[in-house]
């Protein structure tokens, strides 16, 4: 089965690519804040999940159009790790992305967001980003480069299968990492008990 090569912009929904919300100055955590902010520091498990320690900010100034929806793709635009992650929601608290991220809204009649995020994270696309990044010391991927990212697009059924297997693989890797950490802790504790 042959995949069709398309540009990312062709599978976005209307106004499907935007920058994260730009906050003036350093983000300060408010315990009673009404909006969660996802920042680079919140990406966990090798950029495959969002941690639980996100900052909260005052919700008064944040318009609803900046709130993330389920299955939006968060793309790291700044720095050397330009990975994508599908936002699956955390709870009912409105959540926004910081300005270091692009938010992609995929037309689900054309593509599966989980597949698109997985494909963006593959070495072929990562190499495309490396050859098209801007800046020398602080690199980033601009909007045009992201829009023109080539995506190999199989049928929706195949996309769903690939996305499911990739998700299970990521879960397996995260569990393996936790098991190794626990084994190390156990071994160290047992050896220290001998001393």
N, C-alpha and C. Protein backbone atom coordinates (compact mmCIF):
# COMPACT_ATOMS: atom_id res chain seq x y z
N UNK A 1 0.85 -1.18 0.00
CA UNK A 1 0.00 0.00 0.00
C UNK A 1 0.89 1.24 0.00
N UNK A 2 0.62 2.13 -0.90
CA UNK A 2 1.44 3.34 -1.06
C UNK A 2 0.85 4.49 -0.25
N UNK A 3 1.68 5.19 0.47
CA UNK A 3 1.26 6.38 1.20
C UNK A 3 1.40 7.60 0.30
N UNK A 4 0.51 8.53 0.51
CA UNK A 4 0.57 9.79 -0.23
C UNK A 4 1.43 10.77 0.57
N UNK A 5 2.33 11.48 -0.11
CA UNK A 5 3.15 12.50 0.56
C UNK A 5 2.41 13.83 0.45
N UNK A 6 2.09 14.41 1.61
CA UNK A 6 1.38 15.69 1.66
C UNK A 6 2.15 16.66 2.55
N UNK A 7 1.86 17.93 2.41
CA UNK A 7 2.40 18.92 3.33
C UNK A 7 1.50 18.97 4.55
N UNK A 8 2.09 19.20 5.70
CA UNK A 8 1.33 19.27 6.94
C UNK A 8 0.17 20.25 6.83
N UNK A 9 0.39 21.41 6.19
CA UNK A 9 -0.67 22.42 6.10
C UNK A 9 -1.93 21.89 5.41
N UNK A 10 -1.79 20.87 4.56
CA UNK A 10 -2.96 20.35 3.84
C UNK A 10 -3.85 19.47 4.70
N UNK A 11 -3.39 19.06 5.87
CA UNK A 11 -4.22 18.22 6.74
C UNK A 11 -4.64 18.94 8.02
N UNK A 12 -4.35 20.25 8.07
CA UNK A 12 -4.78 21.04 9.22
C UNK A 12 -6.23 21.48 9.03
N UNK A 13 -6.95 21.63 10.13
CA UNK A 13 -8.29 22.20 10.05
C UNK A 13 -8.16 23.71 9.84
N UNK A 14 -9.27 24.40 9.64
CA UNK A 14 -9.25 25.85 9.43
C UNK A 14 -8.58 26.51 10.64
N UNK A 15 -7.63 27.39 10.38
CA UNK A 15 -6.82 28.04 11.42
C UNK A 15 -6.21 27.01 12.37
N UNK A 16 -5.67 25.95 11.76
CA UNK A 16 -5.19 24.81 12.53
C UNK A 16 -3.76 24.89 13.01
N UNK A 17 -3.09 26.03 12.81
CA UNK A 17 -1.73 26.18 13.32
C UNK A 17 -1.60 27.53 13.99
N UNK A 18 -1.29 27.50 15.27
CA UNK A 18 -1.13 28.76 16.01
C UNK A 18 0.00 28.62 17.03
N UNK A 19 0.54 29.75 17.41
CA UNK A 19 1.56 29.77 18.46
C UNK A 19 0.87 29.64 19.81
N UNK A 20 1.60 29.10 20.77
CA UNK A 20 1.08 29.07 22.12
C UNK A 20 0.94 30.49 22.66
N UNK A 21 0.30 30.62 23.80
CA UNK A 21 0.01 31.92 24.38
C UNK A 21 1.30 32.59 24.88
N UNK A 22 1.48 33.83 24.51
CA UNK A 22 2.67 34.58 24.91
C UNK A 22 2.40 35.35 26.21
N UNK A 23 3.04 34.92 27.26
CA UNK A 23 2.92 35.59 28.56
C UNK A 23 4.09 36.54 28.71
N UNK A 24 3.85 37.69 29.22
CA UNK A 24 4.90 38.68 29.42
C UNK A 24 5.74 38.32 30.63
N UNK A 25 7.03 38.16 30.41
CA UNK A 25 7.93 37.86 31.52
C UNK A 25 7.85 36.40 31.94
N UNK A 26 8.47 36.11 33.07
CA UNK A 26 8.53 34.75 33.59
C UNK A 26 7.15 34.31 34.08
N UNK A 27 6.82 33.07 33.83
CA UNK A 27 5.54 32.53 34.28
C UNK A 27 5.62 32.27 35.78
N UNK A 28 4.70 32.87 36.51
CA UNK A 28 4.65 32.70 37.96
C UNK A 28 3.46 31.84 38.32
N UNK A 29 3.72 30.78 39.08
CA UNK A 29 2.67 29.85 39.49
C UNK A 29 1.75 30.50 40.52
N UNK A 30 0.45 30.43 40.26
CA UNK A 30 -0.56 30.87 41.22
C UNK A 30 -1.30 29.63 41.71
N UNK A 31 -1.26 29.39 43.01
CA UNK A 31 -1.90 28.19 43.57
C UNK A 31 -3.37 28.12 43.20
N UNK A 32 -4.04 29.27 43.19
CA UNK A 32 -5.48 29.31 42.88
C UNK A 32 -5.74 29.69 41.43
N UNK A 33 -4.73 29.61 40.58
CA UNK A 33 -4.90 30.00 39.18
C UNK A 33 -5.95 29.16 38.48
N UNK A 34 -6.63 29.76 37.53
CA UNK A 34 -7.73 29.09 36.85
C UNK A 34 -7.36 28.47 35.51
N UNK A 35 -6.11 28.67 35.06
CA UNK A 35 -5.67 28.12 33.78
C UNK A 35 -4.31 27.46 33.95
N UNK A 36 -4.18 26.25 33.43
CA UNK A 36 -2.91 25.51 33.45
C UNK A 36 -2.11 25.93 32.22
N UNK A 37 -0.78 26.07 32.40
CA UNK A 37 0.11 26.40 31.28
C UNK A 37 1.08 25.25 31.07
N UNK A 38 1.09 24.70 29.85
CA UNK A 38 2.05 23.65 29.52
C UNK A 38 3.28 24.31 28.93
N UNK A 39 4.43 24.04 29.58
CA UNK A 39 5.72 24.58 29.16
C UNK A 39 6.63 23.43 28.76
N UNK A 40 7.80 23.76 28.23
CA UNK A 40 8.76 22.71 27.84
C UNK A 40 9.11 21.81 29.01
N UNK A 41 9.22 22.38 30.22
CA UNK A 41 9.60 21.61 31.40
C UNK A 41 8.58 20.53 31.75
N UNK A 42 7.38 20.64 31.20
CA UNK A 42 6.30 19.72 31.54
C UNK A 42 6.27 18.45 30.69
N UNK A 43 7.10 18.40 29.64
CA UNK A 43 7.15 17.20 28.80
C UNK A 43 7.95 16.13 29.54
N UNK A 44 7.37 14.95 29.67
CA UNK A 44 7.99 13.85 30.43
C UNK A 44 8.09 12.60 29.56
N UNK A 45 8.72 11.57 30.10
CA UNK A 45 8.84 10.26 29.47
C UNK A 45 9.31 10.37 28.02
N UNK A 46 10.44 11.07 27.84
CA UNK A 46 11.03 11.23 26.52
C UNK A 46 10.06 11.93 25.55
N UNK A 47 9.43 12.97 26.05
CA UNK A 47 8.51 13.82 25.26
C UNK A 47 7.24 13.09 24.83
N UNK A 48 6.79 12.11 25.60
CA UNK A 48 5.59 11.37 25.22
C UNK A 48 4.40 11.63 26.15
N UNK A 49 4.61 12.42 27.21
CA UNK A 49 3.50 12.73 28.12
C UNK A 49 3.72 14.08 28.79
N UNK A 50 2.65 14.58 29.38
CA UNK A 50 2.67 15.84 30.13
C UNK A 50 2.70 15.52 31.61
N UNK A 51 3.62 16.12 32.33
CA UNK A 51 3.72 15.89 33.77
C UNK A 51 2.58 16.55 34.54
N UNK A 52 2.53 16.28 35.82
CA UNK A 52 1.46 16.79 36.68
C UNK A 52 1.85 18.07 37.43
N UNK A 53 3.04 18.63 37.13
CA UNK A 53 3.52 19.80 37.87
C UNK A 53 3.44 21.08 37.05
N UNK A 54 2.44 21.18 36.19
CA UNK A 54 2.28 22.40 35.37
C UNK A 54 1.95 23.59 36.27
N UNK A 55 2.36 24.76 35.83
CA UNK A 55 2.02 25.99 36.54
C UNK A 55 0.59 26.40 36.22
N UNK A 56 0.00 27.14 37.16
CA UNK A 56 -1.32 27.72 36.95
C UNK A 56 -1.19 29.24 36.98
N UNK A 57 -2.01 29.89 36.17
CA UNK A 57 -1.99 31.35 36.11
C UNK A 57 -3.41 31.89 36.24
N UNK A 58 -3.50 33.21 36.40
CA UNK A 58 -4.79 33.88 36.49
C UNK A 58 -5.54 33.72 35.17
N UNK A 59 -6.80 33.37 35.25
CA UNK A 59 -7.57 33.09 34.04
C UNK A 59 -8.25 34.32 33.44
N UNK A 60 -8.20 35.46 34.14
CA UNK A 60 -8.95 36.64 33.70
C UNK A 60 -8.55 37.12 32.31
N UNK A 61 -7.28 37.05 31.97
CA UNK A 61 -6.79 37.64 30.71
C UNK A 61 -6.73 36.63 29.56
N UNK A 62 -7.00 35.37 29.81
CA UNK A 62 -6.84 34.33 28.78
C UNK A 62 -8.19 34.08 28.10
N UNK A 63 -8.25 34.34 26.81
CA UNK A 63 -9.48 34.11 26.04
C UNK A 63 -9.62 32.61 25.76
N UNK A 64 -10.87 32.18 25.61
CA UNK A 64 -11.16 30.77 25.37
C UNK A 64 -10.48 30.22 24.12
N UNK A 65 -10.24 31.06 23.14
CA UNK A 65 -9.64 30.56 21.89
C UNK A 65 -8.24 29.98 22.10
N UNK A 66 -7.60 30.31 23.23
CA UNK A 66 -6.27 29.77 23.53
C UNK A 66 -6.34 28.43 24.26
N UNK A 67 -7.52 28.04 24.73
CA UNK A 67 -7.65 26.78 25.47
C UNK A 67 -7.42 25.60 24.54
N UNK A 68 -6.66 24.64 25.01
CA UNK A 68 -6.41 23.44 24.23
C UNK A 68 -7.65 22.57 24.19
N UNK A 69 -7.82 21.89 23.05
CA UNK A 69 -8.89 20.90 22.90
C UNK A 69 -8.24 19.52 22.87
N UNK A 70 -9.01 18.51 23.20
CA UNK A 70 -8.50 17.15 23.12
C UNK A 70 -8.03 16.87 21.70
N UNK A 71 -6.92 16.19 21.59
CA UNK A 71 -6.30 15.79 20.32
C UNK A 71 -5.61 16.92 19.56
N UNK A 72 -5.46 18.10 20.18
CA UNK A 72 -4.57 19.11 19.61
C UNK A 72 -3.15 18.56 19.72
N UNK A 73 -2.32 18.88 18.75
CA UNK A 73 -0.92 18.45 18.80
C UNK A 73 -0.08 19.61 19.32
N UNK A 74 0.74 19.36 20.32
CA UNK A 74 1.68 20.34 20.85
C UNK A 74 3.03 20.05 20.20
N UNK A 75 3.56 21.05 19.50
CA UNK A 75 4.84 20.89 18.81
C UNK A 75 5.86 21.82 19.43
N UNK A 76 7.01 21.28 19.84
CA UNK A 76 8.07 22.08 20.46
C UNK A 76 8.81 22.82 19.35
N UNK A 77 8.60 24.14 19.28
CA UNK A 77 9.16 24.95 18.20
C UNK A 77 10.55 25.49 18.54
N UNK A 78 10.86 25.61 19.80
CA UNK A 78 12.12 26.23 20.22
C UNK A 78 13.07 25.17 20.75
N UNK A 79 14.37 25.35 20.47
CA UNK A 79 15.38 24.43 20.97
C UNK A 79 15.69 23.33 19.98
N UNK A 80 16.40 22.33 20.47
CA UNK A 80 16.89 21.26 19.59
C UNK A 80 16.00 20.02 19.58
N UNK A 81 15.06 19.93 20.49
CA UNK A 81 14.17 18.77 20.55
C UNK A 81 12.80 19.17 20.02
N UNK A 82 12.62 19.06 18.72
CA UNK A 82 11.39 19.53 18.08
C UNK A 82 10.41 18.37 17.92
N UNK A 83 9.88 17.93 19.04
CA UNK A 83 8.96 16.80 19.05
C UNK A 83 7.52 17.25 19.14
N UNK A 84 6.62 16.31 18.84
CA UNK A 84 5.19 16.57 18.89
C UNK A 84 4.53 15.60 19.86
N UNK A 85 3.47 16.04 20.48
CA UNK A 85 2.73 15.25 21.46
C UNK A 85 1.26 15.60 21.33
N UNK A 86 0.39 14.60 21.38
CA UNK A 86 -1.04 14.85 21.31
C UNK A 86 -1.56 15.14 22.72
N UNK A 87 -2.29 16.25 22.84
CA UNK A 87 -2.86 16.63 24.13
C UNK A 87 -4.10 15.78 24.38
N UNK A 88 -4.07 15.01 25.47
CA UNK A 88 -5.17 14.11 25.80
C UNK A 88 -6.01 14.61 26.98
N UNK A 89 -5.69 15.81 27.46
CA UNK A 89 -6.44 16.34 28.60
C UNK A 89 -5.87 15.82 29.90
N UNK A 90 -6.07 16.58 30.94
CA UNK A 90 -5.59 16.18 32.26
C UNK A 90 -6.77 16.10 33.22
N UNK A 91 -7.59 17.15 33.20
CA UNK A 91 -8.80 17.23 34.00
C UNK A 91 -9.69 18.30 33.36
N UNK A 92 -10.60 18.87 34.12
CA UNK A 92 -11.53 19.87 33.56
C UNK A 92 -10.99 21.30 33.60
N UNK A 93 -9.79 21.50 34.12
CA UNK A 93 -9.22 22.85 34.21
C UNK A 93 -8.76 23.28 32.82
N UNK A 94 -9.17 24.47 32.36
CA UNK A 94 -8.70 24.95 31.05
C UNK A 94 -7.17 24.97 31.00
N UNK A 95 -6.63 24.58 29.85
CA UNK A 95 -5.18 24.46 29.68
C UNK A 95 -4.76 25.18 28.42
N UNK A 96 -3.63 25.88 28.50
CA UNK A 96 -3.07 26.56 27.33
C UNK A 96 -1.63 26.09 27.14
N UNK A 97 -1.11 26.33 25.94
CA UNK A 97 0.29 26.04 25.64
C UNK A 97 1.09 27.33 25.75
N UNK A 98 2.33 27.23 26.19
CA UNK A 98 3.20 28.41 26.27
C UNK A 98 3.69 28.76 24.86
N UNK A 99 4.32 29.91 24.73
CA UNK A 99 4.75 30.41 23.42
C UNK A 99 5.90 29.62 22.80
N UNK A 100 6.52 28.72 23.55
CA UNK A 100 7.58 27.87 22.99
C UNK A 100 7.00 26.73 22.15
N UNK A 101 5.67 26.64 22.13
CA UNK A 101 4.99 25.56 21.43
C UNK A 101 4.10 26.09 20.31
N UNK A 102 3.94 25.28 19.29
CA UNK A 102 2.89 25.50 18.29
C UNK A 102 1.77 24.53 18.62
N UNK A 103 0.54 24.96 18.37
CA UNK A 103 -0.63 24.09 18.54
C UNK A 103 -1.19 23.77 17.16
N UNK A 104 -1.27 22.47 16.87
CA UNK A 104 -1.78 22.01 15.58
C UNK A 104 -3.14 21.37 15.77
N UNK A 105 -4.09 21.77 14.95
CA UNK A 105 -5.42 21.16 14.94
C UNK A 105 -5.56 20.44 13.61
N UNK A 106 -5.65 19.13 13.69
CA UNK A 106 -5.68 18.28 12.51
C UNK A 106 -7.11 18.04 12.06
N UNK A 107 -7.34 18.08 10.75
CA UNK A 107 -8.64 17.71 10.19
C UNK A 107 -8.75 16.19 10.31
N UNK A 108 -9.61 15.73 11.20
CA UNK A 108 -9.69 14.29 11.51
C UNK A 108 -10.31 13.48 10.38
N UNK A 109 -10.89 14.14 9.38
CA UNK A 109 -11.38 13.43 8.19
C UNK A 109 -10.23 13.06 7.27
N UNK A 110 -9.09 13.71 7.46
CA UNK A 110 -7.92 13.49 6.60
C UNK A 110 -6.80 12.74 7.30
N UNK A 111 -6.66 12.96 8.60
CA UNK A 111 -5.51 12.37 9.30
C UNK A 111 -5.83 12.14 10.77
N UNK A 112 -5.12 11.20 11.35
CA UNK A 112 -5.23 10.86 12.77
C UNK A 112 -4.16 11.66 13.52
N UNK A 113 -4.56 12.52 14.49
CA UNK A 113 -3.57 13.34 15.21
C UNK A 113 -2.46 12.52 15.87
N UNK A 114 -2.79 11.35 16.40
CA UNK A 114 -1.77 10.50 17.04
C UNK A 114 -0.75 10.02 16.01
N UNK A 115 -1.22 9.68 14.81
CA UNK A 115 -0.31 9.27 13.75
C UNK A 115 0.58 10.44 13.33
N UNK A 116 -0.02 11.62 13.14
CA UNK A 116 0.74 12.79 12.69
C UNK A 116 1.84 13.12 13.71
N UNK A 117 1.50 13.12 15.00
CA UNK A 117 2.50 13.41 16.03
C UNK A 117 3.61 12.35 16.00
N UNK A 118 3.23 11.08 15.88
CA UNK A 118 4.23 10.02 15.79
C UNK A 118 5.14 10.23 14.59
N UNK A 119 4.55 10.55 13.44
CA UNK A 119 5.33 10.72 12.22
C UNK A 119 6.29 11.90 12.34
N UNK A 120 5.83 12.99 12.93
CA UNK A 120 6.69 14.17 13.15
C UNK A 120 7.91 13.80 13.99
N UNK A 121 7.75 12.88 14.91
CA UNK A 121 8.84 12.50 15.81
C UNK A 121 9.84 11.52 15.20
N UNK A 122 9.59 11.05 13.99
CA UNK A 122 10.48 10.09 13.34
C UNK A 122 11.69 10.81 12.76
N UNK A 123 12.79 10.06 12.60
CA UNK A 123 14.08 10.65 12.20
C UNK A 123 14.02 11.38 10.86
N UNK A 124 13.23 10.89 9.93
CA UNK A 124 13.15 11.55 8.62
C UNK A 124 12.65 12.99 8.75
N UNK A 125 11.61 13.19 9.54
CA UNK A 125 11.07 14.54 9.75
C UNK A 125 11.99 15.34 10.67
N UNK A 126 12.57 14.70 11.66
CA UNK A 126 13.51 15.40 12.54
C UNK A 126 14.71 15.93 11.75
N UNK A 127 15.18 15.15 10.79
CA UNK A 127 16.27 15.61 9.92
C UNK A 127 15.83 16.80 9.06
N UNK A 128 14.59 16.77 8.60
CA UNK A 128 14.03 17.91 7.85
C UNK A 128 14.08 19.18 8.72
N UNK A 129 13.70 19.04 10.00
CA UNK A 129 13.73 20.20 10.91
C UNK A 129 15.16 20.69 11.11
N UNK A 130 16.10 19.76 11.28
CA UNK A 130 17.49 20.16 11.51
C UNK A 130 18.05 20.95 10.33
N UNK A 131 17.65 20.59 9.13
CA UNK A 131 18.17 21.31 7.95
C UNK A 131 17.41 22.61 7.69
N UNK A 132 16.28 22.83 8.37
CA UNK A 132 15.48 24.03 8.13
C UNK A 132 15.30 24.90 9.38
N UNK A 133 16.02 24.58 10.46
CA UNK A 133 15.88 25.39 11.67
C UNK A 133 16.50 26.77 11.47
N UNK A 134 16.00 27.73 12.25
CA UNK A 134 16.55 29.09 12.18
C UNK A 134 17.28 29.40 13.47
N UNK A 135 18.30 30.26 13.39
CA UNK A 135 19.08 30.64 14.56
C UNK A 135 20.34 29.80 14.64
N UNK A 136 21.31 30.35 15.33
CA UNK A 136 22.57 29.63 15.49
C UNK A 136 22.72 29.11 16.91
N UNK A 137 22.56 29.98 17.88
CA UNK A 137 22.72 29.57 19.28
C UNK A 137 21.39 29.04 19.83
N UNK A 138 20.32 29.84 19.68
CA UNK A 138 18.97 29.42 20.08
C UNK A 138 18.20 29.11 18.81
N UNK A 139 18.08 27.83 18.51
CA UNK A 139 17.42 27.44 17.26
C UNK A 139 15.92 27.29 17.47
N UNK A 140 15.20 27.40 16.37
CA UNK A 140 13.76 27.20 16.41
C UNK A 140 13.25 26.81 15.03
N UNK A 141 12.04 26.30 15.00
CA UNK A 141 11.35 25.95 13.77
C UNK A 141 10.27 26.99 13.56
N UNK A 142 10.29 27.65 12.39
CA UNK A 142 9.27 28.69 12.16
C UNK A 142 8.00 28.06 11.58
N UNK A 143 6.96 28.86 11.54
CA UNK A 143 5.64 28.41 11.13
C UNK A 143 5.65 27.86 9.70
N UNK A 144 6.32 28.55 8.79
CA UNK A 144 6.37 28.11 7.39
C UNK A 144 7.04 26.75 7.25
N UNK A 145 8.15 26.57 7.94
CA UNK A 145 8.85 25.27 7.90
C UNK A 145 7.93 24.17 8.41
N UNK A 146 7.21 24.44 9.50
CA UNK A 146 6.30 23.43 10.04
C UNK A 146 5.16 23.14 9.06
N UNK A 147 4.57 24.18 8.49
CA UNK A 147 3.48 23.98 7.53
C UNK A 147 3.91 23.15 6.33
N UNK A 148 5.16 23.30 5.92
CA UNK A 148 5.66 22.62 4.72
C UNK A 148 6.34 21.28 5.03
N UNK A 149 6.15 20.80 6.24
CA UNK A 149 6.69 19.50 6.62
C UNK A 149 6.04 18.40 5.78
N UNK A 150 6.85 17.59 5.09
CA UNK A 150 6.26 16.49 4.30
C UNK A 150 5.82 15.35 5.23
N UNK A 151 4.61 14.88 5.00
CA UNK A 151 4.03 13.80 5.80
C UNK A 151 3.61 12.67 4.86
N UNK A 152 4.09 11.46 5.11
CA UNK A 152 3.64 10.29 4.36
C UNK A 152 2.34 9.82 4.98
N UNK A 153 1.26 9.89 4.22
CA UNK A 153 -0.07 9.66 4.77
C UNK A 153 -0.71 8.40 4.18
N UNK A 154 -0.73 7.31 4.94
CA UNK A 154 -1.47 6.12 4.48
C UNK A 154 -2.98 6.32 4.75
N UNK A 155 -3.76 5.31 4.56
CA UNK A 155 -5.21 5.41 4.82
C UNK A 155 -5.45 5.68 6.31
N UNK A 156 -6.63 6.19 6.64
CA UNK A 156 -6.97 6.45 8.04
C UNK A 156 -6.91 5.18 8.88
N UNK A 157 -7.32 4.07 8.30
CA UNK A 157 -7.29 2.79 9.04
C UNK A 157 -5.85 2.42 9.39
N UNK A 158 -4.94 2.57 8.44
CA UNK A 158 -3.52 2.26 8.70
C UNK A 158 -2.94 3.26 9.70
N UNK A 159 -3.30 4.53 9.56
CA UNK A 159 -2.83 5.55 10.51
C UNK A 159 -3.23 5.17 11.93
N UNK A 160 -4.48 4.75 12.11
CA UNK A 160 -4.97 4.39 13.45
C UNK A 160 -4.21 3.21 14.03
N UNK A 161 -3.92 2.22 13.19
CA UNK A 161 -3.17 1.05 13.66
C UNK A 161 -1.75 1.44 14.06
N UNK A 162 -1.10 2.24 13.24
CA UNK A 162 0.27 2.69 13.56
C UNK A 162 0.26 3.49 14.86
N UNK A 163 -0.71 4.39 15.01
CA UNK A 163 -0.79 5.23 16.21
C UNK A 163 -1.00 4.37 17.46
N UNK A 164 -1.84 3.35 17.36
CA UNK A 164 -2.10 2.49 18.52
C UNK A 164 -0.85 1.72 18.92
N UNK A 165 -0.16 1.15 17.94
CA UNK A 165 1.07 0.39 18.23
C UNK A 165 2.14 1.32 18.82
N UNK A 166 2.28 2.50 18.23
CA UNK A 166 3.28 3.47 18.74
C UNK A 166 2.96 3.88 20.17
N UNK A 167 1.69 4.08 20.48
CA UNK A 167 1.28 4.45 21.84
C UNK A 167 1.61 3.33 22.82
N UNK A 168 1.30 2.10 22.45
CA UNK A 168 1.62 0.96 23.31
C UNK A 168 3.13 0.83 23.52
N UNK A 169 3.88 1.06 22.46
CA UNK A 169 5.35 1.01 22.56
C UNK A 169 5.87 2.08 23.53
N UNK A 170 5.33 3.29 23.44
CA UNK A 170 5.74 4.36 24.37
C UNK A 170 5.40 4.01 25.81
N UNK A 171 4.23 3.41 26.02
CA UNK A 171 3.85 2.98 27.37
C UNK A 171 4.81 1.91 27.88
N UNK A 172 5.19 0.99 27.01
CA UNK A 172 6.13 -0.05 27.38
C UNK A 172 7.49 0.54 27.77
N UNK A 173 7.97 1.50 26.98
CA UNK A 173 9.25 2.15 27.29
C UNK A 173 9.20 2.87 28.63
N UNK A 174 8.10 3.58 28.89
CA UNK A 174 7.96 4.30 30.17
C UNK A 174 7.96 3.31 31.34
N UNK A 175 7.24 2.20 31.19
CA UNK A 175 7.20 1.19 32.26
C UNK A 175 8.57 0.54 32.46
N UNK A 176 9.26 0.28 31.36
CA UNK A 176 10.60 -0.32 31.46
C UNK A 176 11.55 0.60 32.21
N UNK A 177 11.48 1.89 31.93
CA UNK A 177 12.32 2.86 32.62
C UNK A 177 12.02 2.87 34.12
N UNK A 178 10.72 2.81 34.48
CA UNK A 178 10.34 2.79 35.89
C UNK A 178 10.81 1.51 36.57
N UNK A 179 10.70 0.39 35.88
CA UNK A 179 11.15 -0.89 36.45
C UNK A 179 12.65 -0.87 36.70
N UNK A 180 13.41 -0.36 35.75
CA UNK A 180 14.88 -0.27 35.92
C UNK A 180 15.23 0.61 37.11
N UNK A 181 14.53 1.75 37.25
CA UNK A 181 14.79 2.65 38.38
C UNK A 181 14.48 1.95 39.71
N UNK A 182 13.38 1.22 39.76
CA UNK A 182 13.02 0.50 40.99
C UNK A 182 14.02 -0.62 41.30
N UNK A 183 14.47 -1.33 40.27
CA UNK A 183 15.47 -2.39 40.48
C UNK A 183 16.77 -1.80 41.01
N UNK A 184 17.18 -0.67 40.46
CA UNK A 184 18.39 0.00 40.94
C UNK A 184 18.25 0.40 42.40
N UNK A 185 17.10 0.95 42.74
CA UNK A 185 16.85 1.37 44.13
C UNK A 185 16.87 0.16 45.07
N UNK A 186 16.22 -0.91 44.65
CA UNK A 186 16.18 -2.13 45.47
C UNK A 186 17.58 -2.70 45.67
N UNK A 187 18.34 -2.82 44.59
CA UNK A 187 19.71 -3.37 44.68
C UNK A 187 20.57 -2.50 45.59
N UNK A 188 20.51 -1.19 45.41
CA UNK A 188 21.31 -0.28 46.24
C UNK A 188 20.93 -0.41 47.70
N UNK A 189 19.62 -0.48 47.99
CA UNK A 189 19.15 -0.62 49.38
C UNK A 189 19.65 -1.95 49.99
N UNK A 190 19.53 -3.01 49.22
CA UNK A 190 19.98 -4.31 49.73
C UNK A 190 21.48 -4.34 49.98
N UNK A 191 22.25 -3.73 49.06
CA UNK A 191 23.70 -3.69 49.26
C UNK A 191 24.07 -2.83 50.45
N UNK A 192 23.39 -1.73 50.63
CA UNK A 192 23.67 -0.87 51.79
C UNK A 192 23.31 -1.55 53.11
N UNK A 193 22.29 -2.40 53.06
CA UNK A 193 21.90 -3.13 54.28
C UNK A 193 22.96 -4.14 54.68
N UNK A 194 23.76 -4.61 53.76
CA UNK A 194 24.84 -5.55 54.06
C UNK A 194 25.96 -4.84 54.81
N UNK A 195 26.19 -3.57 54.46
CA UNK A 195 27.32 -2.82 55.03
C UNK A 195 27.09 -2.53 56.47
